[in-house]
Amino acid sequence: MPITKEMGTDADLVENTPRLNSRDSAALKDIMKKRLTECGWRKDIEQMIRQTIQEHGVGTLTSDQLAEKIVPHVGTSLGTRRNLQGDDDTGA
């Protein structure tokens, strides 16, 4: 099978990767939700949503438009929070 840009070089690896069972997946979601709440990320995103709705009006803003305005800031918000807390990805 030829390797294309769209497939990347890990196409076979993805097929052979073990998947989480539903119980593990639910537990992982619970842990992530708890950690995002603890660090204040969820509160920040909720505030961004409220502010966007207030600026544009609840009757004129669709859920897709809201997502277009919020999603680009989601990762930035988490990265900023981690940097402010002194967390890093090195595990040190």
N, C-alpha and C. Protein backbone atom coordinates (compact mmCIF):
# COMPACT_ATOMS: atom_id res chain seq x y z
N MET A 1 0.84 -1.17 0.00
CA MET A 1 0.00 0.00 0.00
C MET A 1 0.89 1.24 0.00
N PRO A 2 0.70 2.15 -0.97
CA PRO A 2 1.54 3.35 -1.01
C PRO A 2 1.19 4.30 0.14
N ILE A 3 2.20 4.97 0.64
CA ILE A 3 2.00 5.94 1.72
C ILE A 3 1.68 7.29 1.10
N THR A 4 0.57 7.87 1.51
CA THR A 4 0.18 9.17 1.01
C THR A 4 0.20 10.17 2.15
N LYS A 5 0.14 11.44 1.80
CA LYS A 5 0.12 12.49 2.80
C LYS A 5 -1.08 12.34 3.73
N GLU A 6 -2.23 12.01 3.15
CA GLU A 6 -3.46 11.90 3.93
C GLU A 6 -3.39 10.76 4.94
N MET A 7 -2.75 9.66 4.55
CA MET A 7 -2.69 8.49 5.42
C MET A 7 -1.59 8.63 6.46
N GLY A 8 -0.54 9.34 6.14
CA GLY A 8 0.59 9.41 7.05
C GLY A 8 1.37 8.11 7.03
N THR A 9 2.31 8.00 7.91
CA THR A 9 3.14 6.80 7.94
C THR A 9 2.68 5.79 8.96
N ASP A 10 1.69 6.15 9.78
CA ASP A 10 1.23 5.28 10.86
C ASP A 10 -0.10 4.61 10.56
N ALA A 11 -0.46 4.46 9.29
CA ALA A 11 -1.77 3.89 8.94
C ALA A 11 -1.94 2.48 9.50
N ASP A 12 -0.92 1.64 9.38
CA ASP A 12 -1.01 0.27 9.90
C ASP A 12 -1.03 0.26 11.42
N LEU A 13 -0.31 1.18 12.04
CA LEU A 13 -0.25 1.25 13.49
C LEU A 13 -1.64 1.54 14.08
N VAL A 14 -2.40 2.41 13.45
CA VAL A 14 -3.73 2.76 13.93
C VAL A 14 -4.64 1.54 13.92
N GLU A 15 -4.56 0.73 12.89
CA GLU A 15 -5.40 -0.45 12.78
C GLU A 15 -5.08 -1.48 13.86
N ASN A 16 -3.83 -1.53 14.30
CA ASN A 16 -3.40 -2.53 15.28
C ASN A 16 -3.38 -2.02 16.71
N THR A 17 -3.78 -0.77 16.92
CA THR A 17 -3.77 -0.19 18.26
C THR A 17 -4.96 -0.71 19.06
N PRO A 18 -4.71 -1.18 20.27
CA PRO A 18 -5.84 -1.65 21.09
C PRO A 18 -6.79 -0.50 21.41
N ARG A 19 -8.05 -0.80 21.48
CA ARG A 19 -9.06 0.21 21.77
C ARG A 19 -9.51 0.08 23.21
N LEU A 20 -9.95 1.21 23.77
CA LEU A 20 -10.49 1.20 25.12
C LEU A 20 -11.85 0.53 25.11
N ASN A 21 -12.13 -0.25 26.13
CA ASN A 21 -13.49 -0.77 26.23
C ASN A 21 -14.37 0.34 26.81
N SER A 22 -15.67 0.15 26.80
CA SER A 22 -16.58 1.22 27.18
C SER A 22 -16.40 1.63 28.65
N ARG A 23 -16.07 0.69 29.52
CA ARG A 23 -15.87 1.01 30.93
C ARG A 23 -14.62 1.88 31.11
N ASP A 24 -13.53 1.51 30.43
CA ASP A 24 -12.31 2.30 30.51
C ASP A 24 -12.50 3.68 29.90
N SER A 25 -13.24 3.72 28.80
CA SER A 25 -13.50 4.98 28.13
C SER A 25 -14.30 5.92 29.04
N ALA A 26 -15.30 5.39 29.71
CA ALA A 26 -16.11 6.19 30.64
C ALA A 26 -15.26 6.69 31.80
N ALA A 27 -14.39 5.83 32.32
CA ALA A 27 -13.52 6.23 33.43
C ALA A 27 -12.55 7.33 32.99
N LEU A 28 -12.01 7.20 31.79
CA LEU A 28 -11.10 8.22 31.26
C LEU A 28 -11.82 9.56 31.09
N LYS A 29 -13.04 9.51 30.56
CA LYS A 29 -13.83 10.74 30.41
C LYS A 29 -14.08 11.39 31.77
N ASP A 30 -14.40 10.59 32.78
CA ASP A 30 -14.64 11.13 34.12
C ASP A 30 -13.39 11.80 34.69
N ILE A 31 -12.24 11.15 34.51
CA ILE A 31 -10.98 11.72 35.01
C ILE A 31 -10.67 13.03 34.30
N MET A 32 -10.83 13.04 32.98
CA MET A 32 -10.55 14.26 32.22
C MET A 32 -11.48 15.39 32.63
N LYS A 33 -12.75 15.09 32.78
CA LYS A 33 -13.72 16.10 33.18
C LYS A 33 -13.36 16.67 34.55
N LYS A 34 -12.98 15.80 35.48
CA LYS A 34 -12.61 16.23 36.82
C LYS A 34 -11.37 17.13 36.79
N ARG A 35 -10.36 16.72 36.05
CA ARG A 35 -9.12 17.51 35.98
C ARG A 35 -9.33 18.86 35.31
N LEU A 36 -10.13 18.88 34.24
CA LEU A 36 -10.40 20.15 33.56
C LEU A 36 -11.21 21.10 34.44
N THR A 37 -12.08 20.54 35.27
CA THR A 37 -12.84 21.35 36.21
C THR A 37 -11.91 21.87 37.31
N GLU A 38 -11.06 20.99 37.84
CA GLU A 38 -10.14 21.39 38.92
C GLU A 38 -9.22 22.53 38.52
N CYS A 39 -8.74 22.53 37.29
CA CYS A 39 -7.79 23.56 36.87
C CYS A 39 -8.49 24.83 36.39
N GLY A 40 -9.83 24.81 36.31
CA GLY A 40 -10.57 26.00 35.94
C GLY A 40 -10.82 26.15 34.45
N TRP A 41 -10.37 25.19 33.67
CA TRP A 41 -10.52 25.26 32.22
C TRP A 41 -11.99 25.29 31.81
N ARG A 42 -12.79 24.43 32.40
CA ARG A 42 -14.23 24.38 32.06
C ARG A 42 -14.89 25.72 32.35
N LYS A 43 -14.53 26.33 33.47
CA LYS A 43 -15.10 27.63 33.84
C LYS A 43 -14.72 28.68 32.80
N ASP A 44 -13.46 28.66 32.35
CA ASP A 44 -13.01 29.60 31.33
C ASP A 44 -13.79 29.44 30.03
N ILE A 45 -13.98 28.19 29.60
CA ILE A 45 -14.70 27.94 28.36
C ILE A 45 -16.17 28.35 28.50
N GLU A 46 -16.79 28.04 29.63
CA GLU A 46 -18.17 28.45 29.86
C GLU A 46 -18.30 29.96 29.81
N GLN A 47 -17.31 30.68 30.38
CA GLN A 47 -17.32 32.14 30.34
C GLN A 47 -17.19 32.65 28.91
N MET A 48 -16.34 32.02 28.11
CA MET A 48 -16.19 32.40 26.71
C MET A 48 -17.50 32.21 25.96
N ILE A 49 -18.20 31.11 26.24
CA ILE A 49 -19.48 30.85 25.59
C ILE A 49 -20.50 31.90 25.99
N ARG A 50 -20.60 32.20 27.29
CA ARG A 50 -21.54 33.22 27.76
C ARG A 50 -21.26 34.58 27.12
N GLN A 51 -19.99 34.95 27.07
CA GLN A 51 -19.60 36.24 26.50
C GLN A 51 -19.96 36.31 25.02
N THR A 52 -19.68 35.23 24.29
CA THR A 52 -20.00 35.20 22.86
C THR A 52 -21.50 35.31 22.64
N ILE A 53 -22.29 34.59 23.43
CA ILE A 53 -23.75 34.66 23.30
C ILE A 53 -24.23 36.07 23.63
N GLN A 54 -23.67 36.68 24.65
CA GLN A 54 -24.07 38.03 25.03
C GLN A 54 -23.74 39.04 23.92
N GLU A 55 -22.58 38.88 23.29
CA GLU A 55 -22.16 39.79 22.22
C GLU A 55 -23.02 39.65 20.97
N HIS A 56 -23.40 38.43 20.62
CA HIS A 56 -24.09 38.18 19.36
C HIS A 56 -25.59 37.99 19.52
N GLY A 57 -26.05 37.74 20.71
CA GLY A 57 -27.47 37.51 20.94
C GLY A 57 -27.81 36.05 20.79
N VAL A 58 -28.59 35.54 21.73
CA VAL A 58 -28.92 34.13 21.75
C VAL A 58 -29.80 33.74 20.55
N GLY A 59 -30.63 34.66 20.08
CA GLY A 59 -31.53 34.35 18.98
C GLY A 59 -30.88 34.38 17.61
N THR A 60 -29.70 34.97 17.50
CA THR A 60 -29.06 35.12 16.20
C THR A 60 -27.86 34.20 16.01
N LEU A 61 -27.49 33.46 17.02
CA LEU A 61 -26.29 32.64 16.99
C LEU A 61 -26.66 31.16 16.96
N THR A 62 -26.21 30.45 15.94
CA THR A 62 -26.46 29.01 15.87
C THR A 62 -25.37 28.27 16.65
N SER A 63 -25.60 27.02 16.94
CA SER A 63 -24.59 26.23 17.66
C SER A 63 -23.32 26.08 16.82
N ASP A 64 -23.46 25.99 15.50
CA ASP A 64 -22.29 25.89 14.63
C ASP A 64 -21.47 27.18 14.67
N GLN A 65 -22.15 28.32 14.66
CA GLN A 65 -21.45 29.61 14.73
C GLN A 65 -20.74 29.76 16.07
N LEU A 66 -21.41 29.32 17.13
CA LEU A 66 -20.80 29.38 18.46
C LEU A 66 -19.54 28.51 18.50
N ALA A 67 -19.64 27.32 17.95
CA ALA A 67 -18.48 26.42 17.92
C ALA A 67 -17.33 27.04 17.12
N GLU A 68 -17.64 27.70 16.00
CA GLU A 68 -16.60 28.34 15.19
C GLU A 68 -15.85 29.41 15.98
N LYS A 69 -16.55 30.07 16.88
CA LYS A 69 -15.92 31.13 17.65
C LYS A 69 -15.17 30.61 18.88
N ILE A 70 -15.60 29.50 19.44
CA ILE A 70 -15.02 28.99 20.68
C ILE A 70 -13.90 27.98 20.44
N VAL A 71 -14.11 27.04 19.55
CA VAL A 71 -13.17 25.92 19.36
C VAL A 71 -11.72 26.37 19.12
N PRO A 72 -11.47 27.40 18.30
CA PRO A 72 -10.06 27.79 18.11
C PRO A 72 -9.34 28.22 19.39
N HIS A 73 -10.10 28.60 20.41
CA HIS A 73 -9.50 29.07 21.66
C HIS A 73 -9.38 27.98 22.72
N VAL A 74 -9.97 26.83 22.48
CA VAL A 74 -10.02 25.77 23.49
C VAL A 74 -8.63 25.29 23.87
N GLY A 75 -7.82 24.91 22.92
CA GLY A 75 -6.47 24.43 23.21
C GLY A 75 -5.59 25.52 23.77
N THR A 76 -5.75 26.74 23.29
CA THR A 76 -4.98 27.88 23.78
C THR A 76 -5.27 28.12 25.24
N SER A 77 -6.53 28.03 25.61
CA SER A 77 -6.93 28.24 27.00
C SER A 77 -6.29 27.21 27.92
N LEU A 78 -6.28 25.96 27.51
CA LEU A 78 -5.69 24.90 28.33
C LEU A 78 -4.18 25.09 28.42
N GLY A 79 -3.53 25.41 27.32
CA GLY A 79 -2.08 25.63 27.32
C GLY A 79 -1.68 26.78 28.21
N THR A 80 -2.44 27.86 28.18
CA THR A 80 -2.17 29.01 29.03
C THR A 80 -2.32 28.64 30.49
N ARG A 81 -3.37 27.89 30.81
CA ARG A 81 -3.59 27.46 32.19
C ARG A 81 -2.42 26.62 32.68
N ARG A 82 -1.98 25.68 31.85
CA ARG A 82 -0.87 24.80 32.26
C ARG A 82 0.38 25.61 32.50
N ASN A 83 0.66 26.59 31.62
CA ASN A 83 1.86 27.41 31.79
C ASN A 83 1.78 28.26 33.05
N LEU A 84 0.61 28.79 33.35
CA LEU A 84 0.44 29.60 34.56
C LEU A 84 0.62 28.76 35.82
N GLN A 85 0.27 27.49 35.75
CA GLN A 85 0.39 26.62 36.91
C GLN A 85 1.79 26.01 37.02
N GLY A 86 2.63 26.25 36.03
CA GLY A 86 3.99 25.73 36.06
C GLY A 86 4.08 24.28 35.63
N ASP A 87 3.02 23.74 35.01
CA ASP A 87 3.06 22.37 34.50
C ASP A 87 3.86 22.33 33.22
N ASP A 88 4.45 21.22 32.94
CA ASP A 88 5.12 21.01 31.66
C ASP A 88 4.94 19.57 31.22
N ASP A 89 5.35 19.30 30.01
CA ASP A 89 5.17 17.96 29.45
C ASP A 89 6.36 17.05 29.70
N THR A 90 7.35 17.51 30.45
CA THR A 90 8.54 16.71 30.62
C THR A 90 8.42 15.69 31.74
N GLY A 91 7.42 15.88 32.61
CA GLY A 91 7.23 14.96 33.71
C GLY A 91 8.19 15.21 34.85
N ALA A 92 8.98 16.28 34.74
CA ALA A 92 9.96 16.61 35.78
C ALA A 92 9.33 17.39 36.90
